[in-house]
Amino acid sequence: MEQNNTNLTYSQAIAELEKIVREMQSENCSIDNLSALTSRSLELLKVCKAKLQSTDAEVKKILATLEESQQ
């Protein structure tokens, strides 16, 4: 909807997801928009998952480096 996925930060993706949820829960949400909102939500969830996995891998790498330096 609003931004290209490659430029989104995790915080921006979460904020947009929250906005979509509010819109879906409002009385003004039309059935016609529901499909587009659901599709965009899936895209945003994929962005969040990828960023979380990337961060997890980086943290594990840092922890492994710390463990090696302590031996």
PDB file of N, CA and C in Angstrom:
ATOM      1  N   MET A   1       0.800  -1.185   0.000  1.00  0.00           N
ATOM      2  CA  MET A   1       0.000   0.000   0.000  1.00  0.00           C
ATOM      3  C   MET A   1       0.850   1.258   0.000  1.00  0.00           C
ATOM      4  N   GLU A   2       1.668   1.424   1.042  1.00  0.00           N
ATOM      5  CA  GLU A   2       2.309   2.717   1.201  1.00  0.00           C
ATOM      6  C   GLU A   2       3.752   2.758   0.717  1.00  0.00           C
ATOM      7  N   GLN A   3       4.539   1.722   1.000  1.00  0.00           N
ATOM      8  CA  GLN A   3       5.957   1.789   0.691  1.00  0.00           C
ATOM      9  C   GLN A   3       6.424   0.518   0.017  1.00  0.00           C
ATOM     10  N   ASN A   4       7.544   0.635  -0.659  1.00  0.00           N
ATOM     11  CA  ASN A   4       8.205  -0.523  -1.225  1.00  0.00           C
ATOM     12  C   ASN A   4       8.747  -1.367  -0.077  1.00  0.00           C
ATOM     13  N   ASN A   5       8.544  -2.679  -0.152  1.00  0.00           N
ATOM     14  CA  ASN A   5       8.951  -3.572   0.942  1.00  0.00           C
ATOM     15  C   ASN A   5      10.443  -3.515   1.238  1.00  0.00           C
ATOM     16  N   THR A   6      11.272  -3.292   0.235  1.00  0.00           N
ATOM     17  CA  THR A   6      12.714  -3.311   0.461  1.00  0.00           C
ATOM     18  C   THR A   6      13.187  -2.128   1.291  1.00  0.00           C
ATOM     19  N   ASN A   7      12.410  -1.066   1.337  1.00  0.00           N
ATOM     20  CA  ASN A   7      12.801   0.128   2.092  1.00  0.00           C
ATOM     21  C   ASN A   7      12.197   0.183   3.485  1.00  0.00           C
ATOM     22  N   LEU A   8      11.367  -0.778   3.820  1.00  0.00           N
ATOM     23  CA  LEU A   8      10.687  -0.759   5.115  1.00  0.00           C
ATOM     24  C   LEU A   8      11.595  -1.227   6.241  1.00  0.00           C
ATOM     25  N   THR A   9      11.521  -0.526   7.354  1.00  0.00           N
ATOM     26  CA  THR A   9      12.149  -1.037   8.565  1.00  0.00           C
ATOM     27  C   THR A   9      11.134  -1.954   9.253  1.00  0.00           C
ATOM     28  N   TYR A  10      11.599  -2.704  10.210  1.00  0.00           N
ATOM     29  CA  TYR A  10      10.704  -3.578  10.976  1.00  0.00           C
ATOM     30  C   TYR A  10       9.615  -2.733  11.649  1.00  0.00           C
ATOM     31  N   SER A  11      10.018  -1.628  12.239  1.00  0.00           N
ATOM     32  CA  SER A  11       9.060  -0.754  12.936  1.00  0.00           C
ATOM     33  C   SER A  11       8.012  -0.188  11.990  1.00  0.00           C
ATOM     34  N   GLN A  12       8.421   0.178  10.797  1.00  0.00           N
ATOM     35  CA  GLN A  12       7.474   0.695   9.812  1.00  0.00           C
ATOM     36  C   GLN A  12       6.484  -0.391   9.384  1.00  0.00           C
ATOM     37  N   ALA A  13       6.984  -1.609   9.185  1.00  0.00           N
ATOM     38  CA  ALA A  13       6.115  -2.712   8.783  1.00  0.00           C
ATOM     39  C   ALA A  13       5.097  -3.020   9.880  1.00  0.00           C
ATOM     40  N   ILE A  14       5.552  -3.038  11.122  1.00  0.00           N
ATOM     41  CA  ILE A  14       4.642  -3.289  12.245  1.00  0.00           C
ATOM     42  C   ILE A  14       3.602  -2.173  12.349  1.00  0.00           C
ATOM     43  N   ALA A  15       4.039  -0.932  12.189  1.00  0.00           N
ATOM     44  CA  ALA A  15       3.112   0.201  12.264  1.00  0.00           C
ATOM     45  C   ALA A  15       2.043   0.102  11.168  1.00  0.00           C
ATOM     46  N   GLU A  16       2.460  -0.283   9.974  1.00  0.00           N
ATOM     47  CA  GLU A  16       1.492  -0.419   8.890  1.00  0.00           C
ATOM     48  C   GLU A  16       0.542  -1.583   9.152  1.00  0.00           C
ATOM     49  N   LEU A  17       1.071  -2.677   9.701  1.00  0.00           N
ATOM     50  CA  LEU A  17       0.205  -3.810  10.058  1.00  0.00           C
ATOM     51  C   LEU A  17      -0.837  -3.388  11.090  1.00  0.00           C
ATOM     52  N   GLU A  18      -0.419  -2.629  12.079  1.00  0.00           N
ATOM     53  CA  GLU A  18      -1.350  -2.146  13.105  1.00  0.00           C
ATOM     54  C   GLU A  18      -2.426  -1.263  12.486  1.00  0.00           C
ATOM     55  N   LYS A  19      -2.031  -0.431  11.537  1.00  0.00           N
ATOM     56  CA  LYS A  19      -2.987   0.437  10.841  1.00  0.00           C
ATOM     57  C   LYS A  19      -3.997  -0.408  10.055  1.00  0.00           C
ATOM     58  N   ILE A  20      -3.507  -1.438   9.396  1.00  0.00           N
ATOM     59  CA  ILE A  20      -4.387  -2.323   8.624  1.00  0.00           C
ATOM     60  C   ILE A  20      -5.370  -3.035   9.544  1.00  0.00           C
ATOM     61  N   VAL A  21      -4.889  -3.505  10.687  1.00  0.00           N
ATOM     62  CA  VAL A  21      -5.770  -4.187  11.638  1.00  0.00           C
ATOM     63  C   VAL A  21      -6.870  -3.240  12.105  1.00  0.00           C
ATOM     64  N   ARG A  22      -6.486  -2.012  12.433  1.00  0.00           N
ATOM     65  CA  ARG A  22      -7.498  -1.030  12.852  1.00  0.00           C
ATOM     66  C   ARG A  22      -8.523  -0.787  11.741  1.00  0.00           C
ATOM     67  N   GLU A  23      -8.032  -0.696  10.517  1.00  0.00           N
ATOM     68  CA  GLU A  23      -8.936  -0.470   9.385  1.00  0.00           C
ATOM     69  C   GLU A  23      -9.878  -1.662   9.185  1.00  0.00           C
ATOM     70  N   MET A  24      -9.325  -2.869   9.316  1.00  0.00           N
ATOM     71  CA  MET A  24     -10.154  -4.070   9.155  1.00  0.00           C
ATOM     72  C   MET A  24     -11.212  -4.184  10.252  1.00  0.00           C
ATOM     73  N   GLN A  25     -10.887  -3.704  11.436  1.00  0.00           N
ATOM     74  CA  GLN A  25     -11.815  -3.785  12.557  1.00  0.00           C
ATOM     75  C   GLN A  25     -12.848  -2.665  12.557  1.00  0.00           C
ATOM     76  N   SER A  26     -12.620  -1.647  11.757  1.00  0.00           N
ATOM     77  CA  SER A  26     -13.558  -0.522  11.742  1.00  0.00           C
ATOM     78  C   SER A  26     -14.823  -0.886  10.971  1.00  0.00           C
ATOM     79  N   GLU A  27     -15.856  -0.160  11.279  1.00  0.00           N
ATOM     80  CA  GLU A  27     -17.129  -0.366  10.598  1.00  0.00           C
ATOM     81  C   GLU A  27     -17.064   0.112   9.150  1.00  0.00           C
ATOM     82  N   ASN A  28     -16.081   0.930   8.839  1.00  0.00           N
ATOM     83  CA  ASN A  28     -15.959   1.504   7.499  1.00  0.00           C
ATOM     84  C   ASN A  28     -15.198   0.608   6.519  1.00  0.00           C
ATOM     85  N   CYS A  29     -14.676  -0.519   6.980  1.00  0.00           N
ATOM     86  CA  CYS A  29     -13.922  -1.415   6.108  1.00  0.00           C
ATOM     87  C   CYS A  29     -14.884  -2.129   5.159  1.00  0.00           C
ATOM     88  N   SER A  30     -14.639  -1.932   3.886  1.00  0.00           N
ATOM     89  CA  SER A  30     -15.520  -2.568   2.909  1.00  0.00           C
ATOM     90  C   SER A  30     -14.970  -3.935   2.514  1.00  0.00           C
ATOM     91  N   ILE A  31     -15.860  -4.778   2.115  1.00  0.00           N
ATOM     92  CA  ILE A  31     -15.479  -6.113   1.641  1.00  0.00           C
ATOM     93  C   ILE A  31     -14.558  -5.989   0.432  1.00  0.00           C
ATOM     94  N   ASP A  32     -14.765  -4.969  -0.371  1.00  0.00           N
ATOM     95  CA  ASP A  32     -13.946  -4.766  -1.562  1.00  0.00           C
ATOM     96  C   ASP A  32     -12.477  -4.526  -1.208  1.00  0.00           C
ATOM     97  N   ASN A  33     -12.218  -3.882  -0.079  1.00  0.00           N
ATOM     98  CA  ASN A  33     -10.841  -3.609   0.339  1.00  0.00           C
ATOM     99  C   ASN A  33     -10.222  -4.756   1.131  1.00  0.00           C
ATOM    100  N   LEU A  34     -11.018  -5.663   1.608  1.00  0.00           N
ATOM    101  CA  LEU A  34     -10.536  -6.723   2.482  1.00  0.00           C
ATOM    102  C   LEU A  34      -9.454  -7.575   1.825  1.00  0.00           C
ATOM    103  N   SER A  35      -9.640  -7.920   0.572  1.00  0.00           N
ATOM    104  CA  SER A  35      -8.650  -8.731  -0.133  1.00  0.00           C
ATOM    105  C   SER A  35      -7.311  -7.999  -0.249  1.00  0.00           C
ATOM    106  N   ALA A  36      -7.350  -6.731  -0.617  1.00  0.00           N
ATOM    107  CA  ALA A  36      -6.116  -5.945  -0.745  1.00  0.00           C
ATOM    108  C   ALA A  36      -5.428  -5.783   0.603  1.00  0.00           C
ATOM    109  N   LEU A  37      -6.210  -5.549   1.659  1.00  0.00           N
ATOM    110  CA  LEU A  37      -5.634  -5.404   3.000  1.00  0.00           C
ATOM    111  C   LEU A  37      -4.998  -6.709   3.474  1.00  0.00           C
ATOM    112  N   THR A  38      -5.666  -7.813   3.197  1.00  0.00           N
ATOM    113  CA  THR A  38      -5.130  -9.112   3.583  1.00  0.00           C
ATOM    114  C   THR A  38      -3.843  -9.413   2.827  1.00  0.00           C
ATOM    115  N   SER A  39      -3.824  -9.105   1.552  1.00  0.00           N
ATOM    116  CA  SER A  39      -2.633  -9.326   0.732  1.00  0.00           C
ATOM    117  C   SER A  39      -1.459  -8.478   1.227  1.00  0.00           C
ATOM    118  N   ARG A  40      -1.724  -7.220   1.518  1.00  0.00           N
ATOM    119  CA  ARG A  40      -0.666  -6.340   2.016  1.00  0.00           C
ATOM    120  C   ARG A  40      -0.168  -6.817   3.380  1.00  0.00           C
ATOM    121  N   SER A  41      -1.066  -7.294   4.209  1.00  0.00           N
ATOM    122  CA  SER A  41      -0.677  -7.819   5.520  1.00  0.00           C
ATOM    123  C   SER A  41       0.297  -8.979   5.362  1.00  0.00           C
ATOM    124  N   LEU A  42       0.019  -9.855   4.410  1.00  0.00           N
ATOM    125  CA  LEU A  42       0.915 -10.992   4.165  1.00  0.00           C
ATOM    126  C   LEU A  42       2.296 -10.514   3.740  1.00  0.00           C
ATOM    127  N   GLU A  43       2.344  -9.516   2.856  1.00  0.00           N
ATOM    128  CA  GLU A  43       3.628  -8.957   2.429  1.00  0.00           C
ATOM    129  C   GLU A  43       4.399  -8.393   3.624  1.00  0.00           C
ATOM    130  N   LEU A  44       3.704  -7.665   4.470  1.00  0.00           N
ATOM    131  CA  LEU A  44       4.345  -7.054   5.637  1.00  0.00           C
ATOM    132  C   LEU A  44       4.822  -8.102   6.629  1.00  0.00           C
ATOM    133  N   LEU A  45       4.044  -9.152   6.807  1.00  0.00           N
ATOM    134  CA  LEU A  45       4.456 -10.234   7.705  1.00  0.00           C
ATOM    135  C   LEU A  45       5.712 -10.917   7.186  1.00  0.00           C
ATOM    136  N   LYS A  46       5.816 -11.064   5.881  1.00  0.00           N
ATOM    137  CA  LYS A  46       7.027 -11.654   5.292  1.00  0.00           C
ATOM    138  C   LYS A  46       8.240 -10.771   5.540  1.00  0.00           C
ATOM    139  N   VAL A  47       8.055  -9.454   5.426  1.00  0.00           N
ATOM    140  CA  VAL A  47       9.142  -8.509   5.710  1.00  0.00           C
ATOM    141  C   VAL A  47       9.592  -8.654   7.162  1.00  0.00           C
ATOM    142  N   CYS A  48       8.633  -8.681   8.076  1.00  0.00           N
ATOM    143  CA  CYS A  48       8.955  -8.807   9.502  1.00  0.00           C
ATOM    144  C   CYS A  48       9.671 -10.120   9.789  1.00  0.00           C
ATOM    145  N   LYS A  49       9.179 -11.199   9.224  1.00  0.00           N
ATOM    146  CA  LYS A  49       9.800 -12.510   9.451  1.00  0.00           C
ATOM    147  C   LYS A  49      11.236 -12.522   8.946  1.00  0.00           C
ATOM    148  N   ALA A  50      11.463 -11.979   7.755  1.00  0.00           N
ATOM    149  CA  ALA A  50      12.815 -11.948   7.193  1.00  0.00           C
ATOM    150  C   ALA A  50      13.753 -11.116   8.066  1.00  0.00           C
ATOM    151  N   LYS A  51      13.268  -9.989   8.553  1.00  0.00           N
ATOM    152  CA  LYS A  51      14.110  -9.136   9.402  1.00  0.00           C
ATOM    153  C   LYS A  51      14.409  -9.809  10.742  1.00  0.00           C
ATOM    154  N   LEU A  52      13.430 -10.497  11.307  1.00  0.00           N
ATOM    155  CA  LEU A  52      13.650 -11.222  12.558  1.00  0.00           C
ATOM    156  C   LEU A  52      14.649 -12.360  12.366  1.00  0.00           C
ATOM    157  N   GLN A  53      14.516 -13.087  11.267  1.00  0.00           N
ATOM    158  CA  GLN A  53      15.447 -14.183  10.997  1.00  0.00           C
ATOM    159  C   GLN A  53      16.860 -13.666  10.778  1.00  0.00           C
ATOM    160  N   SER A  54      16.973 -12.550  10.079  1.00  0.00           N
ATOM    161  CA  SER A  54      18.282 -11.948   9.836  1.00  0.00           C
ATOM    162  C   SER A  54      18.926 -11.500  11.149  1.00  0.00           C
ATOM    163  N   THR A  55      18.139 -10.855  11.986  1.00  0.00           N
ATOM    164  CA  THR A  55      18.646 -10.406  13.283  1.00  0.00           C
ATOM    165  C   THR A  55      19.048 -11.585  14.150  1.00  0.00           C
ATOM    166  N   ASP A  56      18.243 -12.644  14.141  1.00  0.00           N
ATOM    167  CA  ASP A  56      18.556 -13.844  14.905  1.00  0.00           C
ATOM    168  C   ASP A  56      19.883 -14.445  14.449  1.00  0.00           C
ATOM    169  N   ALA A  57      20.100 -14.500  13.150  1.00  0.00           N
ATOM    170  CA  ALA A  57      21.350 -15.044  12.618  1.00  0.00           C
ATOM    171  C   ALA A  57      22.545 -14.187  13.036  1.00  0.00           C
ATOM    172  N   GLU A  58      22.368 -12.870  13.009  1.00  0.00           N
ATOM    173  CA  GLU A  58      23.446 -11.967  13.416  1.00  0.00           C
ATOM    174  C   GLU A  58      23.778 -12.135  14.898  1.00  0.00           C
ATOM    175  N   VAL A  59      22.754 -12.246  15.737  1.00  0.00           N
ATOM    176  CA  VAL A  59      22.972 -12.420  17.175  1.00  0.00           C
ATOM    177  C   VAL A  59      23.699 -13.749  17.441  1.00  0.00           C
ATOM    178  N   LYS A  60      23.276 -14.799  16.768  1.00  0.00           N
ATOM    179  CA  LYS A  60      23.935 -16.102  16.938  1.00  0.00           C
ATOM    180  C   LYS A  60      25.399 -16.032  16.517  1.00  0.00           C
ATOM    181  N   LYS A  61      25.666 -15.315  15.449  1.00  0.00           N
ATOM    182  CA  LYS A  61      27.045 -15.155  14.971  1.00  0.00           C
ATOM    183  C   LYS A  61      27.884 -14.401  16.009  1.00  0.00           C
ATOM    184  N   ILE A  62      27.314 -13.361  16.568  1.00  0.00           N
ATOM    185  CA  ILE A  62      28.021 -12.571  17.594  1.00  0.00           C
ATOM    186  C   ILE A  62      28.278 -13.421  18.831  1.00  0.00           C
ATOM    187  N   LEU A  63      27.275 -14.182  19.255  1.00  0.00           N
ATOM    188  CA  LEU A  63      27.441 -15.043  20.426  1.00  0.00           C
ATOM    189  C   LEU A  63      28.505 -16.099  20.182  1.00  0.00           C
ATOM    190  N   ALA A  64      28.533 -16.672  18.975  1.00  0.00           N
ATOM    191  CA  ALA A  64      29.553 -17.661  18.642  1.00  0.00           C
ATOM    192  C   ALA A  64      30.942 -17.043  18.688  1.00  0.00           C
ATOM    193  N   THR A  65      31.074 -15.833  18.206  1.00  0.00           N
ATOM    194  CA  THR A  65      32.348 -15.139  18.244  1.00  0.00           C
ATOM    195  C   THR A  65      32.791 -14.881  19.695  1.00  0.00           C
ATOM    196  N   LEU A  66      31.849 -14.494  20.536  1.00  0.00           N
ATOM    197  CA  LEU A  66      32.163 -14.268  21.957  1.00  0.00           C
ATOM    198  C   LEU A  66      32.612 -15.558  22.621  1.00  0.00           C
ATOM    199  N   GLU A  67      31.947 -16.653  22.340  1.00  0.00           N
ATOM    200  CA  GLU A  67      32.311 -17.942  22.920  1.00  0.00           C
ATOM    201  C   GLU A  67      33.700 -18.364  22.477  1.00  0.00           C
ATOM    202  N   GLU A  68      34.032 -18.138  21.215  1.00  0.00           N
ATOM    203  CA  GLU A  68      35.360 -18.491  20.698  1.00  0.00           C
ATOM    204  C   GLU A  68      36.444 -17.647  21.363  1.00  0.00           C
ATOM    205  N   SER A  69      36.152 -16.387  21.608  1.00  0.00           N
ATOM    206  CA  SER A  69      37.156 -15.521  22.210  1.00  0.00           C
ATOM    207  C   SER A  69      37.381 -15.823  23.681  1.00  0.00           C
ATOM    208  N   GLN A  70      36.420 -16.481  24.327  1.00  0.00           N
ATOM    209  CA  GLN A  70      36.564 -16.823  25.740  1.00  0.00           C
ATOM    210  C   GLN A  70      37.306 -18.131  25.944  1.00  0.00           C
ATOM    211  N   GLN A  71      37.518 -18.869  24.880  1.00  0.00           N
ATOM    212  CA  GLN A  71      38.194 -20.173  25.025  1.00  0.00           C
ATOM    213  C   GLN A  71      39.681 -20.053  24.902  1.00  0.00           C
TER     214      GLN A  71
END
